[in-house]
């Protein structure tokens, strides 16, 4: 079962709501049981959102390698590859951030 704090939006997993919200300190009475179909969406979205976070982390590494290649500047061909890699990594990171924002706005988070 999942419970949502009506004050701050914290999602709690358990057979009952916590006595106080770990995030904002609201009392147990401020928690509402999340219906089963929304629970399933939250469970699925937790996996996908974590994949987005992992992807963004890896793309940060791609950007770091690209920066090193750009700084090294061995030849025009290498420079072009590293510049394109840096640009692509930034664009995909931005797309993942936007997708997570959409998930949050549709309550696909928790």
PDB file of N, CA and C in Angstrom:
ATOM      1  N   UNK A   1       0.831  -1.176   0.000  1.00  0.00           N
ATOM      2  CA  UNK A   1       0.000   0.000   0.000  1.00  0.00           C
ATOM      3  C   UNK A   1       0.882   1.248   0.000  1.00  0.00           C
ATOM      4  N   UNK A   2       0.326   2.297  -0.568  1.00  0.00           N
ATOM      5  CA  UNK A   2       1.016   3.560  -0.598  1.00  0.00           C
ATOM      6  C   UNK A   2       0.123   4.642  -0.006  1.00  0.00           C
ATOM      7  N   UNK A   3       0.757   5.601   0.648  1.00  0.00           N
ATOM      8  CA  UNK A   3       0.070   6.693   1.309  1.00  0.00           C
ATOM      9  C   UNK A   3       0.737   7.994   0.887  1.00  0.00           C
ATOM     10  N   UNK A   4      -0.069   9.034   0.656  1.00  0.00           N
ATOM     11  CA  UNK A   4       0.470  10.321   0.227  1.00  0.00           C
ATOM     12  C   UNK A   4       0.148  11.392   1.259  1.00  0.00           C
ATOM     13  N   UNK A   5       1.174  12.145   1.631  1.00  0.00           N
ATOM     14  CA  UNK A   5       0.982  13.265   2.540  1.00  0.00           C
ATOM     15  C   UNK A   5       0.293  14.391   1.773  1.00  0.00           C
ATOM     16  N   UNK A   6      -0.842  14.840   2.291  1.00  0.00           N
ATOM     17  CA  UNK A   6      -1.592  15.896   1.610  1.00  0.00           C
ATOM     18  C   UNK A   6      -0.954  17.271   1.800  1.00  0.00           C
ATOM     19  N   UNK A   7       0.022  17.362   2.684  1.00  0.00           N
ATOM     20  CA  UNK A   7       0.704  18.635   2.925  1.00  0.00           C
ATOM     21  C   UNK A   7       1.864  18.831   1.944  1.00  0.00           C
ATOM     22  N   UNK A   8       2.734  17.814   1.838  1.00  0.00           N
ATOM     23  CA  UNK A   8       3.957  17.992   1.027  1.00  0.00           C
ATOM     24  C   UNK A   8       4.065  17.046  -0.174  1.00  0.00           C
ATOM     25  N   UNK A   9       3.212  16.026  -0.254  1.00  0.00           N
ATOM     26  CA  UNK A   9       3.258  15.103  -1.381  1.00  0.00           C
ATOM     27  C   UNK A   9       4.149  13.890  -1.187  1.00  0.00           C
ATOM     28  N   UNK A  10       4.769  13.758  -0.028  1.00  0.00           N
ATOM     29  CA  UNK A  10       5.622  12.605   0.256  1.00  0.00           C
ATOM     30  C   UNK A  10       4.823  11.315   0.079  1.00  0.00           C
ATOM     31  N   UNK A  11       5.442  10.306  -0.558  1.00  0.00           N
ATOM     32  CA  UNK A  11       4.806   8.998  -0.748  1.00  0.00           C
ATOM     33  C   UNK A  11       5.447   8.009   0.213  1.00  0.00           C
ATOM     34  N   UNK A  12       4.600   7.347   1.000  1.00  0.00           N
ATOM     35  CA  UNK A  12       5.055   6.345   1.967  1.00  0.00           C
ATOM     36  C   UNK A  12       4.568   4.974   1.522  1.00  0.00           C
ATOM     37  N   UNK A  13       5.453   3.982   1.563  1.00  0.00           N
ATOM     38  CA  UNK A  13       5.088   2.594   1.281  1.00  0.00           C
ATOM     39  C   UNK A  13       4.932   1.864   2.611  1.00  0.00           C
ATOM     40  N   UNK A  14       3.803   1.224   2.816  1.00  0.00           N
ATOM     41  CA  UNK A  14       3.597   0.474   4.052  1.00  0.00           C
ATOM     42  C   UNK A  14       2.134   0.124   4.237  1.00  0.00           C
ATOM     43  N   UNK A  15       1.869  -0.728   5.227  1.00  0.00           N
ATOM     44  CA  UNK A  15       0.503  -1.157   5.501  1.00  0.00           C
ATOM     45  C   UNK A  15      -0.358  -0.045   6.086  1.00  0.00           C
ATOM     46  N   UNK A  16       0.293   0.959   6.678  1.00  0.00           N
ATOM     47  CA  UNK A  16      -0.432   2.108   7.203  1.00  0.00           C
ATOM     48  C   UNK A  16       0.429   3.356   7.038  1.00  0.00           C
ATOM     49  N   UNK A  17      -0.203   4.499   7.165  1.00  0.00           N
ATOM     50  CA  UNK A  17       0.528   5.762   7.071  1.00  0.00           C
ATOM     51  C   UNK A  17       1.465   5.888   8.270  1.00  0.00           C
ATOM     52  N   UNK A  18       2.569   6.599   8.103  1.00  0.00           N
ATOM     53  CA  UNK A  18       3.464   6.808   9.257  1.00  0.00           C
ATOM     54  C   UNK A  18       2.799   7.741  10.277  1.00  0.00           C
ATOM     55  N   UNK A  19       3.264   7.687  11.507  1.00  0.00           N
ATOM     56  CA  UNK A  19       2.695   8.551  12.550  1.00  0.00           C
ATOM     57  C   UNK A  19       2.906  10.028  12.230  1.00  0.00           C
ATOM     58  N   UNK A  20       4.068  10.328  11.649  1.00  0.00           N
ATOM     59  CA  UNK A  20       4.354  11.693  11.188  1.00  0.00           C
ATOM     60  C   UNK A  20       5.067  11.598   9.842  1.00  0.00           C
ATOM     61  N   UNK A  21       4.867  12.587   9.010  1.00  0.00           N
ATOM     62  CA  UNK A  21       5.522  12.611   7.707  1.00  0.00           C
ATOM     63  C   UNK A  21       7.023  12.828   7.899  1.00  0.00           C
ATOM     64  N   UNK A  22       7.852  11.946   7.326  1.00  0.00           N
ATOM     65  CA  UNK A  22       9.296  12.110   7.455  1.00  0.00           C
ATOM     66  C   UNK A  22       9.819  13.398   6.812  1.00  0.00           C
ATOM     67  N   UNK A  23       9.089  13.916   5.836  1.00  0.00           N
ATOM     68  CA  UNK A  23       9.548  15.113   5.127  1.00  0.00           C
ATOM     69  C   UNK A  23       9.116  16.395   5.830  1.00  0.00           C
ATOM     70  N   UNK A  24       7.825  16.523   6.139  1.00  0.00           N
ATOM     71  CA  UNK A  24       7.318  17.812   6.641  1.00  0.00           C
ATOM     72  C   UNK A  24       6.821  17.765   8.082  1.00  0.00           C
ATOM     73  N   UNK A  25       6.710  16.553   8.667  1.00  0.00           N
ATOM     74  CA  UNK A  25       6.276  16.442  10.049  1.00  0.00           C
ATOM     75  C   UNK A  25       4.769  16.455  10.256  1.00  0.00           C
ATOM     76  N   UNK A  26       4.007  16.430   9.157  1.00  0.00           N
ATOM     77  CA  UNK A  26       2.546  16.428   9.279  1.00  0.00           C
ATOM     78  C   UNK A  26       2.087  15.158   9.999  1.00  0.00           C
ATOM     79  N   UNK A  27       0.985  15.226  10.739  1.00  0.00           N
ATOM     80  CA  UNK A  27       0.494  14.048  11.462  1.00  0.00           C
ATOM     81  C   UNK A  27      -0.113  13.008  10.509  1.00  0.00           C
ATOM     82  N   UNK A  28      -0.255  11.817  11.028  1.00  0.00           N
ATOM     83  CA  UNK A  28      -0.788  10.671  10.282  1.00  0.00           C
ATOM     84  C   UNK A  28      -2.102  10.997   9.573  1.00  0.00           C
ATOM     85  N   UNK A  29      -2.929  11.822  10.191  1.00  0.00           N
ATOM     86  CA  UNK A  29      -4.239  12.153   9.633  1.00  0.00           C
ATOM     87  C   UNK A  29      -4.139  12.884   8.285  1.00  0.00           C
ATOM     88  N   UNK A  30      -2.993  13.437   7.999  1.00  0.00           N
ATOM     89  CA  UNK A  30      -2.812  14.174   6.741  1.00  0.00           C
ATOM     90  C   UNK A  30      -2.460  13.248   5.568  1.00  0.00           C
ATOM     91  N   UNK A  31      -2.309  11.948   5.842  1.00  0.00           N
ATOM     92  CA  UNK A  31      -1.998  10.987   4.782  1.00  0.00           C
ATOM     93  C   UNK A  31      -3.280  10.414   4.196  1.00  0.00           C
ATOM     94  N   UNK A  32      -3.271  10.250   2.887  1.00  0.00           N
ATOM     95  CA  UNK A  32      -4.400   9.647   2.176  1.00  0.00           C
ATOM     96  C   UNK A  32      -3.916   8.385   1.477  1.00  0.00           C
ATOM     97  N   UNK A  33      -4.716   7.355   1.521  1.00  0.00           N
ATOM     98  CA  UNK A  33      -4.392   6.092   0.827  1.00  0.00           C
ATOM     99  C   UNK A  33      -4.441   6.337  -0.665  1.00  0.00           C
ATOM    100  N   UNK A  34      -3.431   5.855  -1.365  1.00  0.00           N
ATOM    101  CA  UNK A  34      -3.382   5.967  -2.825  1.00  0.00           C
ATOM    102  C   UNK A  34      -4.092   4.758  -3.421  1.00  0.00           C
ATOM    103  N   UNK A  35      -4.968   4.987  -4.390  1.00  0.00           N
ATOM    104  CA  UNK A  35      -5.727   3.894  -4.995  1.00  0.00           C
ATOM    105  C   UNK A  35      -4.815   2.983  -5.809  1.00  0.00           C
ATOM    106  N   UNK A  36      -5.249   1.740  -5.978  1.00  0.00           N
ATOM    107  CA  UNK A  36      -4.421   0.689  -6.572  1.00  0.00           C
ATOM    108  C   UNK A  36      -3.906   1.032  -7.970  1.00  0.00           C
ATOM    109  N   UNK A  37      -4.741   1.604  -8.832  1.00  0.00           N
ATOM    110  CA  UNK A  37      -4.272   1.883 -10.191  1.00  0.00           C
ATOM    111  C   UNK A  37      -3.187   2.963 -10.192  1.00  0.00           C
ATOM    112  N   UNK A  38      -3.263   3.917  -9.274  1.00  0.00           N
ATOM    113  CA  UNK A  38      -2.217   4.939  -9.156  1.00  0.00           C
ATOM    114  C   UNK A  38      -0.956   4.334  -8.553  1.00  0.00           C
ATOM    115  N   UNK A  39      -1.114   3.391  -7.623  1.00  0.00           N
ATOM    116  CA  UNK A  39       0.041   2.690  -7.053  1.00  0.00           C
ATOM    117  C   UNK A  39       0.851   2.016  -8.157  1.00  0.00           C
ATOM    118  N   UNK A  40       0.154   1.364  -9.087  1.00  0.00           N
ATOM    119  CA  UNK A  40       0.835   0.680 -10.188  1.00  0.00           C
ATOM    120  C   UNK A  40       1.603   1.663 -11.063  1.00  0.00           C
ATOM    121  N   UNK A  41       1.007   2.825 -11.330  1.00  0.00           N
ATOM    122  CA  UNK A  41       1.688   3.850 -12.129  1.00  0.00           C
ATOM    123  C   UNK A  41       2.933   4.345 -11.389  1.00  0.00           C
ATOM    124  N   UNK A  42       2.809   4.554 -10.077  1.00  0.00           N
ATOM    125  CA  UNK A  42       3.956   5.004  -9.288  1.00  0.00           C
ATOM    126  C   UNK A  42       5.072   3.961  -9.340  1.00  0.00           C
ATOM    127  N   UNK A  43       4.734   2.689  -9.160  1.00  0.00           N
ATOM    128  CA  UNK A  43       5.751   1.634  -9.203  1.00  0.00           C
ATOM    129  C   UNK A  43       6.464   1.602 -10.558  1.00  0.00           C
ATOM    130  N   UNK A  44       5.703   1.671 -11.635  1.00  0.00           N
ATOM    131  CA  UNK A  44       6.314   1.672 -12.974  1.00  0.00           C
ATOM    132  C   UNK A  44       7.160   2.918 -13.183  1.00  0.00           C
ATOM    133  N   UNK A  45       6.656   4.055 -12.754  1.00  0.00           N
ATOM    134  CA  UNK A  45       7.385   5.298 -12.986  1.00  0.00           C
ATOM    135  C   UNK A  45       8.662   5.377 -12.153  1.00  0.00           C
ATOM    136  N   UNK A  46       8.669   4.752 -10.984  1.00  0.00           N
ATOM    137  CA  UNK A  46       9.910   4.740 -10.188  1.00  0.00           C
ATOM    138  C   UNK A  46      11.044   4.117 -10.995  1.00  0.00           C
ATOM    139  N   UNK A  47      10.742   3.030 -11.676  1.00  0.00           N
ATOM    140  CA  UNK A  47      11.763   2.366 -12.492  1.00  0.00           C
ATOM    141  C   UNK A  47      12.209   3.279 -13.636  1.00  0.00           C
ATOM    142  N   UNK A  48      11.263   3.818 -14.385  1.00  0.00           N
ATOM    143  CA  UNK A  48      11.601   4.650 -15.538  1.00  0.00           C
ATOM    144  C   UNK A  48      12.325   5.919 -15.117  1.00  0.00           C
ATOM    145  N   UNK A  49      11.863   6.546 -14.044  1.00  0.00           N
ATOM    146  CA  UNK A  49      12.526   7.763 -13.580  1.00  0.00           C
ATOM    147  C   UNK A  49      13.960   7.485 -13.160  1.00  0.00           C
ATOM    148  N   UNK A  50      14.187   6.347 -12.518  1.00  0.00           N
ATOM    149  CA  UNK A  50      15.555   5.987 -12.140  1.00  0.00           C
ATOM    150  C   UNK A  50      16.410   5.747 -13.385  1.00  0.00           C
ATOM    151  N   UNK A  51      15.825   5.153 -14.419  1.00  0.00           N
ATOM    152  CA  UNK A  51      16.564   4.970 -15.671  1.00  0.00           C
ATOM    153  C   UNK A  51      16.950   6.324 -16.277  1.00  0.00           C
ATOM    154  N   UNK A  52      16.034   7.292 -16.219  1.00  0.00           N
ATOM    155  CA  UNK A  52      16.363   8.639 -16.704  1.00  0.00           C
ATOM    156  C   UNK A  52      17.517   9.243 -15.898  1.00  0.00           C
ATOM    157  N   UNK A  53      17.474   9.082 -14.595  1.00  0.00           N
ATOM    158  CA  UNK A  53      18.538   9.625 -13.743  1.00  0.00           C
ATOM    159  C   UNK A  53      19.868   8.957 -14.070  1.00  0.00           C
ATOM    160  N   UNK A  54      19.865   7.638 -14.231  1.00  0.00           N
ATOM    161  CA  UNK A  54      21.087   6.920 -14.592  1.00  0.00           C
ATOM    162  C   UNK A  54      21.617   7.389 -15.948  1.00  0.00           C
ATOM    163  N   UNK A  55      20.711   7.557 -16.902  1.00  0.00           N
ATOM    164  CA  UNK A  55      21.098   8.029 -18.233  1.00  0.00           C
ATOM    165  C   UNK A  55      21.725   9.419 -18.147  1.00  0.00           C
ATOM    166  N   UNK A  56      21.108  10.310 -17.382  1.00  0.00           N
ATOM    167  CA  UNK A  56      21.660  11.659 -17.247  1.00  0.00           C
ATOM    168  C   UNK A  56      23.045  11.628 -16.617  1.00  0.00           C
ATOM    169  N   UNK A  57      23.246  10.735 -15.660  1.00  0.00           N
ATOM    170  CA  UNK A  57      24.576  10.596 -15.052  1.00  0.00           C
ATOM    171  C   UNK A  57      25.605  10.146 -16.091  1.00  0.00           C
ATOM    172  N   UNK A  58      25.255   9.144 -16.865  1.00  0.00           N
ATOM    173  CA  UNK A  58      26.174   8.663 -17.903  1.00  0.00           C
ATOM    174  C   UNK A  58      26.449   9.736 -18.951  1.00  0.00           C
ATOM    175  N   UNK A  59      25.428  10.501 -19.297  1.00  0.00           N
ATOM    176  CA  UNK A  59      25.619  11.568 -20.276  1.00  0.00           C
ATOM    177  C   UNK A  59      26.503  12.680 -19.727  1.00  0.00           C
ATOM    178  N   UNK A  60      26.500  12.886 -18.433  1.00  0.00           N
ATOM    179  CA  UNK A  60      27.435  13.837 -17.822  1.00  0.00           C
ATOM    180  C   UNK A  60      28.867  13.354 -18.020  1.00  0.00           C
ATOM    181  N   UNK A  61      29.056  12.052 -17.897  1.00  0.00           N
ATOM    182  CA  UNK A  61      30.386  11.473 -18.135  1.00  0.00           C
ATOM    183  C   UNK A  61      30.793  11.634 -19.601  1.00  0.00           C
ATOM    184  N   UNK A  62      29.848  11.402 -20.524  1.00  0.00           N
ATOM    185  CA  UNK A  62      30.125  11.600 -21.952  1.00  0.00           C
ATOM    186  C   UNK A  62      30.580  13.037 -22.183  1.00  0.00           C
ATOM    187  N   UNK A  63      29.899  13.974 -21.564  1.00  0.00           N
ATOM    188  CA  UNK A  63      30.251  15.384 -21.709  1.00  0.00           C
ATOM    189  C   UNK A  63      31.656  15.662 -21.176  1.00  0.00           C
ATOM    190  N   UNK A  64      32.016  15.042 -20.058  1.00  0.00           N
ATOM    191  CA  UNK A  64      33.367  15.209 -19.501  1.00  0.00           C
ATOM    192  C   UNK A  64      34.427  14.665 -20.462  1.00  0.00           C
ATOM    193  N   UNK A  65      34.179  13.482 -21.032  1.00  0.00           N
ATOM    194  CA  UNK A  65      35.124  12.920 -22.001  1.00  0.00           C
ATOM    195  C   UNK A  65      35.216  13.805 -23.237  1.00  0.00           C
ATOM    196  N   UNK A  66      34.078  14.307 -23.673  1.00  0.00           N
ATOM    197  CA  UNK A  66      34.062  15.191 -24.834  1.00  0.00           C
ATOM    198  C   UNK A  66      34.865  16.456 -24.553  1.00  0.00           C
ATOM    199  N   UNK A  67      34.731  17.024 -23.365  1.00  0.00           N
ATOM    200  CA  UNK A  67      35.518  18.204 -22.995  1.00  0.00           C
ATOM    201  C   UNK A  67      37.010  17.909 -23.070  1.00  0.00           C
ATOM    202  N   UNK A  68      37.408  16.735 -22.576  1.00  0.00           N
ATOM    203  CA  UNK A  68      38.825  16.362 -22.629  1.00  0.00           C
ATOM    204  C   UNK A  68      39.295  16.228 -24.080  1.00  0.00           C
ATOM    205  N   UNK A  69      38.461  15.647 -24.931  1.00  0.00           N
ATOM    206  CA  UNK A  69      38.812  15.512 -26.340  1.00  0.00           C
ATOM    207  C   UNK A  69      38.883  16.855 -27.048  1.00  0.00           C
ATOM    208  N   UNK A  70      37.967  17.756 -26.696  1.00  0.00           N
ATOM    209  CA  UNK A  70      37.975  19.099 -27.284  1.00  0.00           C
ATOM    210  C   UNK A  70      39.239  19.840 -26.855  1.00  0.00           C
ATOM    211  N   UNK A  71      39.592  19.701 -25.589  1.00  0.00           N
ATOM    212  CA  UNK A  71      40.808  20.351 -25.090  1.00  0.00           C
ATOM    213  C   UNK A  71      42.051  19.779 -25.757  1.00  0.00           C
ATOM    214  N   UNK A  72      42.085  18.473 -25.960  1.00  0.00           N
ATOM    215  CA  UNK A  72      43.231  17.827 -26.603  1.00  0.00           C
ATOM    216  C   UNK A  72      43.377  18.283 -28.049  1.00  0.00           C
ATOM    217  N   UNK A  73      42.249  18.379 -28.763  1.00  0.00           N
ATOM    218  CA  UNK A  73      42.203  18.939 -30.122  1.00  0.00           C
ATOM    219  C   UNK A  73      43.282  18.353 -31.039  1.00  0.00           C
ATOM    220  N   UNK A  74      43.313  17.026 -31.119  1.00  0.00           N
ATOM    221  CA  UNK A  74      44.332  16.361 -31.934  1.00  0.00           C
ATOM    222  C   UNK A  74      44.245  16.757 -33.394  1.00  0.00           C
ATOM    223  N   UNK A  75      43.057  16.705 -33.941  1.00  0.00           N
ATOM    224  CA  UNK A  75      42.876  17.089 -35.343  1.00  0.00           C
ATOM    225  C   UNK A  75      41.406  17.449 -35.564  1.00  0.00           C
ATOM    226  N   UNK A  76      41.082  18.045 -36.723  1.00  0.00           N
ATOM    227  CA  UNK A  76      39.699  18.493 -36.962  1.00  0.00           C
ATOM    228  C   UNK A  76      38.665  17.377 -36.877  1.00  0.00           C
ATOM    229  N   UNK A  77      39.009  16.183 -37.322  1.00  0.00           N
ATOM    230  CA  UNK A  77      38.066  15.066 -37.262  1.00  0.00           C
ATOM    231  C   UNK A  77      37.718  14.699 -35.827  1.00  0.00           C
ATOM    232  N   UNK A  78      38.736  14.600 -34.985  1.00  0.00           N
ATOM    233  CA  UNK A  78      38.507  14.283 -33.564  1.00  0.00           C
ATOM    234  C   UNK A  78      37.720  15.401 -32.893  1.00  0.00           C
ATOM    235  N   UNK A  79      38.108  16.630 -33.156  1.00  0.00           N
ATOM    236  CA  UNK A  79      37.418  17.769 -32.558  1.00  0.00           C
ATOM    237  C   UNK A  79      35.935  17.740 -32.901  1.00  0.00           C
ATOM    238  N   UNK A  80      35.616  17.447 -34.148  1.00  0.00           N
ATOM    239  CA  UNK A  80      34.231  17.390 -34.594  1.00  0.00           C
ATOM    240  C   UNK A  80      33.444  16.309 -33.845  1.00  0.00           C
ATOM    241  N   UNK A  81      34.038  15.136 -33.694  1.00  0.00           N
ATOM    242  CA  UNK A  81      33.369  14.040 -32.979  1.00  0.00           C
ATOM    243  C   UNK A  81      33.082  14.446 -31.537  1.00  0.00           C
ATOM    244  N   UNK A  82      34.072  15.007 -30.865  1.00  0.00           N
ATOM    245  CA  UNK A  82      33.893  15.381 -29.468  1.00  0.00           C
ATOM    246  C   UNK A  82      32.885  16.519 -29.307  1.00  0.00           C
ATOM    247  N   UNK A  83      32.877  17.466 -30.213  1.00  0.00           N
ATOM    248  CA  UNK A  83      31.891  18.548 -30.156  1.00  0.00           C
ATOM    249  C   UNK A  83      30.476  18.008 -30.351  1.00  0.00           C
ATOM    250  N   UNK A  84      30.322  17.095 -31.305  1.00  0.00           N
ATOM    251  CA  UNK A  84      29.005  16.499 -31.539  1.00  0.00           C
ATOM    252  C   UNK A  84      28.558  15.667 -30.340  1.00  0.00           C
ATOM    253  N   UNK A  85      29.485  14.943 -29.730  1.00  0.00           N
ATOM    254  CA  UNK A  85      29.153  14.136 -28.554  1.00  0.00           C
ATOM    255  C   UNK A  85      28.693  15.026 -27.408  1.00  0.00           C
ATOM    256  N   UNK A  86      29.399  16.134 -27.211  1.00  0.00           N
ATOM    257  CA  UNK A  86      29.025  17.059 -26.136  1.00  0.00           C
ATOM    258  C   UNK A  86      27.625  17.640 -26.378  1.00  0.00           C
ATOM    259  N   UNK A  87      27.357  18.038 -27.604  1.00  0.00           N
ATOM    260  CA  UNK A  87      26.053  18.616 -27.942  1.00  0.00           C
ATOM    261  C   UNK A  87      24.941  17.575 -27.766  1.00  0.00           C
ATOM    262  N   UNK A  88      25.161  16.370 -28.264  1.00  0.00           N
ATOM    263  CA  UNK A  88      24.148  15.315 -28.161  1.00  0.00           C
ATOM    264  C   UNK A  88      23.889  14.946 -26.700  1.00  0.00           C
ATOM    265  N   UNK A  89      24.948  14.856 -25.896  1.00  0.00           N
ATOM    266  CA  UNK A  89      24.787  14.527 -24.480  1.00  0.00           C
ATOM    267  C   UNK A  89      23.946  15.592 -23.785  1.00  0.00           C
ATOM    268  N   UNK A  90      24.214  16.868 -24.079  1.00  0.00           N
ATOM    269  CA  UNK A  90      23.452  17.953 -23.459  1.00  0.00           C
ATOM    270  C   UNK A  90      21.984  17.882 -23.873  1.00  0.00           C
ATOM    271  N   UNK A  91      21.720  17.674 -25.163  1.00  0.00           N
ATOM    272  CA  UNK A  91      20.338  17.639 -25.645  1.00  0.00           C
ATOM    273  C   UNK A  91      19.550  16.479 -25.035  1.00  0.00           C
ATOM    274  N   UNK A  92      20.156  15.312 -24.960  1.00  0.00           N
ATOM    275  CA  UNK A  92      19.458  14.148 -24.398  1.00  0.00           C
ATOM    276  C   UNK A  92      19.235  14.338 -22.898  1.00  0.00           C
ATOM    277  N   UNK A  93      20.212  14.923 -22.191  1.00  0.00           N
ATOM    278  CA  UNK A  93      20.008  15.220 -20.772  1.00  0.00           C
ATOM    279  C   UNK A  93      18.822  16.165 -20.591  1.00  0.00           C
ATOM    280  N   UNK A  94      18.720  17.173 -21.440  1.00  0.00           N
ATOM    281  CA  UNK A  94      17.605  18.113 -21.351  1.00  0.00           C
ATOM    282  C   UNK A  94      16.272  17.406 -21.619  1.00  0.00           C
ATOM    283  N   UNK A  95      16.265  16.482 -22.574  1.00  0.00           N
ATOM    284  CA  UNK A  95      15.032  15.734 -22.862  1.00  0.00           C
ATOM    285  C   UNK A  95      14.630  14.872 -21.670  1.00  0.00           C
ATOM    286  N   UNK A  96      15.599  14.225 -21.022  1.00  0.00           N
ATOM    287  CA  UNK A  96      15.288  13.408 -19.844  1.00  0.00           C
ATOM    288  C   UNK A  96      14.758  14.273 -18.708  1.00  0.00           C
ATOM    289  N   UNK A  97      15.355  15.438 -18.496  1.00  0.00           N
ATOM    290  CA  UNK A  97      14.863  16.345 -17.453  1.00  0.00           C
ATOM    291  C   UNK A  97      13.417  16.753 -17.742  1.00  0.00           C
ATOM    292  N   UNK A  98      13.148  17.073 -18.993  1.00  0.00           N
ATOM    293  CA  UNK A  98      11.784  17.467 -19.374  1.00  0.00           C
ATOM    294  C   UNK A  98      10.811  16.316 -19.171  1.00  0.00           C
ATOM    295  N   UNK A  99      11.226  15.106 -19.482  1.00  0.00           N
ATOM    296  CA  UNK A  99      10.356  13.948 -19.313  1.00  0.00           C
ATOM    297  C   UNK A  99      10.054  13.698 -17.836  1.00  0.00           C
ATOM    298  N   UNK A 100      11.057  13.836 -16.986  1.00  0.00           N
ATOM    299  CA  UNK A 100      10.827  13.680 -15.548  1.00  0.00           C
ATOM    300  C   UNK A 100       9.862  14.758 -15.056  1.00  0.00           C
ATOM    301  N   UNK A 101       9.996  15.981 -15.549  1.00  0.00           N
ATOM    302  CA  UNK A 101       9.072  17.056 -15.165  1.00  0.00           C
ATOM    303  C   UNK A 101       7.639  16.699 -15.554  1.00  0.00           C
ATOM    304  N   UNK A 102       7.475  16.102 -16.730  1.00  0.00           N
ATOM    305  CA  UNK A 102       6.142  15.659 -17.165  1.00  0.00           C
ATOM    306  C   UNK A 102       5.626  14.581 -16.215  1.00  0.00           C
ATOM    307  N   UNK A 103       6.485  13.639 -15.854  1.00  0.00           N
ATOM    308  CA  UNK A 103       6.079  12.571 -14.936  1.00  0.00           C
ATOM    309  C   UNK A 103       5.611  13.154 -13.605  1.00  0.00           C
ATOM    310  N   UNK A 104       6.366  14.100 -13.077  1.00  0.00           N
ATOM    311  CA  UNK A 104       5.991  14.707 -11.799  1.00  0.00           C
ATOM    312  C   UNK A 104       4.632  15.398 -11.923  1.00  0.00           C
ATOM    313  N   UNK A 105       4.426  16.122 -13.015  1.00  0.00           N
ATOM    314  CA  UNK A 105       3.154  16.842 -13.186  1.00  0.00           C
ATOM    315  C   UNK A 105       1.962  15.893 -13.347  1.00  0.00           C
ATOM    316  N   UNK A 106       2.220  14.658 -13.787  1.00  0.00           N
ATOM    317  CA  UNK A 106       1.152  13.671 -13.956  1.00  0.00           C
ATOM    318  C   UNK A 106       1.110  12.667 -12.804  1.00  0.00           C
ATOM    319  N   UNK A 107       1.784  12.991 -11.708  1.00  0.00           N
ATOM    320  CA  UNK A 107       1.867  12.139 -10.514  1.00  0.00           C
ATOM    321  C   UNK A 107       2.498  10.778 -10.804  1.00  0.00           C
ATOM    322  N   UNK A 108       3.371  10.733 -11.802  1.00  0.00           N
ATOM    323  CA  UNK A 108       4.121   9.509 -12.082  1.00  0.00           C
ATOM    324  C   UNK A 108       5.472   9.592 -11.375  1.00  0.00           C
ATOM    325  N   UNK A 109       5.389   9.737 -10.073  1.00  0.00           N
ATOM    326  CA  UNK A 109       6.579   9.904  -9.259  1.00  0.00           C
ATOM    327  C   UNK A 109       6.229   9.379  -7.885  1.00  0.00           C
ATOM    328  N   UNK A 110       7.199   8.988  -7.148  1.00  0.00           N
ATOM    329  CA  UNK A 110       6.902   8.559  -5.781  1.00  0.00           C
ATOM    330  C   UNK A 110       7.906   7.609  -5.278  1.00  0.00           C
TER     331      UNK A 110
END
